[in-house]
């Protein structure tokens, strides 16, 4: 497995990147908070699963739903997904993530 990396200074920067790269009309995006990093993995070779891009920043998020406003580059934890003009991130903290473990080891 090969991992490429893109490091950002803040969680807001990760949200901005992932929100701009997500599919049109998809306003709910999963993200991981794991071992001191907030991250998202993008498969660069979807057919083979051999290469991933890890988009990350140091930090952590509680599990839950976060509403992200692109215009103000800010986010807040919310109880539900309510607005079509916002992007929502669902933060999860896995018990184990082998792809992330491999990627973090090679940072």
Protein backbone atom coordinates (compact mmCIF):
# COMPACT_ATOMS: atom_id res chain seq x y z
CA UNK A 1 0.00 0.00 0.00
CA UNK A 2 1.29 3.46 -0.89
CA UNK A 3 0.24 6.62 0.94
CA UNK A 4 0.64 10.16 -0.38
CA UNK A 5 0.26 13.01 2.12
CA UNK A 6 -1.19 16.49 2.18
CA UNK A 7 -0.74 18.22 5.54
CA UNK A 8 -2.72 21.29 6.61
CA UNK A 9 -2.31 23.67 9.52
CA UNK A 10 -5.92 23.57 10.73
CA UNK A 11 -9.02 21.40 10.74
CA UNK A 12 -10.83 24.21 8.91
CA UNK A 13 -8.32 23.87 6.04
CA UNK A 14 -9.06 20.13 5.81
CA UNK A 15 -12.80 20.83 5.75
CA UNK A 16 -12.30 23.44 3.01
CA UNK A 17 -10.24 21.05 0.87
CA UNK A 18 -12.53 18.06 1.27
CA UNK A 19 -15.69 20.14 0.79
CA UNK A 20 -14.36 21.59 -2.47
CA UNK A 21 -13.29 18.16 -3.76
CA UNK A 22 -16.49 16.29 -2.83
CA UNK A 23 -19.12 15.24 -5.31
CA UNK A 24 -21.70 17.88 -6.28
CA UNK A 25 -24.90 17.69 -4.26
CA UNK A 26 -23.20 15.62 -1.54
CA UNK A 27 -23.16 17.67 1.62
CA UNK A 28 -22.38 14.91 4.15
CA UNK A 29 -18.76 13.72 4.30
CA UNK A 30 -17.14 11.26 6.74
CA UNK A 31 -13.90 12.21 8.47
CA UNK A 32 -11.77 10.45 11.10
CA UNK A 33 -10.33 11.74 14.34
CA UNK A 34 -7.66 9.19 15.23
CA UNK A 35 -4.45 9.15 17.27
CA UNK A 36 -4.02 12.93 17.37
CA UNK A 37 -4.95 13.61 13.74
CA UNK A 38 -8.08 14.65 11.90
CA UNK A 39 -7.95 12.98 8.50
CA UNK A 40 -9.65 11.89 5.36
CA UNK A 41 -8.44 9.30 2.88
CA UNK A 42 -8.98 9.63 -0.86
CA UNK A 43 -8.29 6.56 -3.00
CA UNK A 44 -5.98 7.61 -5.84
CA UNK A 45 -6.23 4.21 -7.49
CA UNK A 46 -9.85 3.20 -6.83
CA UNK A 47 -9.72 0.02 -8.89
CA UNK A 48 -6.73 -1.52 -7.09
CA UNK A 49 -6.86 0.25 -3.71
CA UNK A 50 -3.06 0.49 -3.75
CA UNK A 51 -2.58 4.26 -3.38
CA UNK A 52 -4.34 6.66 -1.02
CA UNK A 53 -4.03 10.38 -0.36
CA UNK A 54 -4.13 11.20 3.36
CA UNK A 55 -5.40 14.72 3.95
CA UNK A 56 -4.70 15.62 7.56
CA UNK A 57 -3.96 18.11 10.32
CA UNK A 58 -2.88 17.55 13.89
CA UNK A 59 -5.82 17.79 16.25
CA UNK A 60 -8.93 15.95 17.33
CA UNK A 61 -12.69 16.13 17.08
CA UNK A 62 -15.35 14.49 19.20
CA UNK A 63 -17.50 12.00 17.33
CA UNK A 64 -20.58 13.66 15.90
CA UNK A 65 -21.90 15.93 13.16
CA UNK A 66 -20.13 19.19 12.30
CA UNK A 67 -21.69 21.92 10.17
CA UNK A 68 -19.11 23.70 8.04
CA UNK A 69 -19.67 27.13 6.49
CA UNK A 70 -17.37 27.62 3.51
CA UNK A 71 -17.84 31.41 3.38
CA UNK A 72 -16.68 32.00 6.96
CA UNK A 73 -14.38 28.94 7.05
CA UNK A 74 -15.85 27.91 10.39
CA UNK A 75 -17.48 24.82 11.85
CA UNK A 76 -19.62 23.92 14.84
CA UNK A 77 -20.95 20.70 16.30
CA UNK A 78 -24.68 20.23 15.63
CA UNK A 79 -27.38 17.69 16.45
CA UNK A 80 -28.60 17.12 12.91
CA UNK A 81 -28.20 17.83 9.23
CA UNK A 82 -30.64 20.63 8.46
CA UNK A 83 -29.36 23.07 5.83
CA UNK A 84 -28.68 22.43 2.15
CA UNK A 85 -26.33 25.45 1.94
CA UNK A 86 -23.88 23.97 4.47
CA UNK A 87 -21.48 21.05 4.25
CA UNK A 88 -21.65 18.50 7.04
CA UNK A 89 -18.82 16.33 8.29
CA UNK A 90 -19.52 13.22 10.30
CA UNK A 91 -16.56 12.71 12.61
CA UNK A 92 -15.85 9.19 13.74
CA UNK A 93 -13.14 7.84 16.00
CA UNK A 94 -12.47 4.26 14.99
CA UNK A 95 -11.17 1.77 17.50
CA UNK A 96 -8.63 0.67 14.88
CA UNK A 97 -7.81 1.97 11.40
CA UNK A 98 -5.11 -0.06 9.65
CA UNK A 99 -4.73 2.38 6.75
CA UNK A 100 -4.30 5.28 9.18
CA UNK A 101 -1.91 3.26 11.34
CA UNK A 102 0.25 2.53 8.29
CA UNK A 103 0.11 6.17 7.16
CA UNK A 104 0.90 7.64 10.60
CA UNK A 105 3.89 5.31 10.98
CA UNK A 106 5.36 6.72 7.76
CA UNK A 107 4.83 10.42 8.53
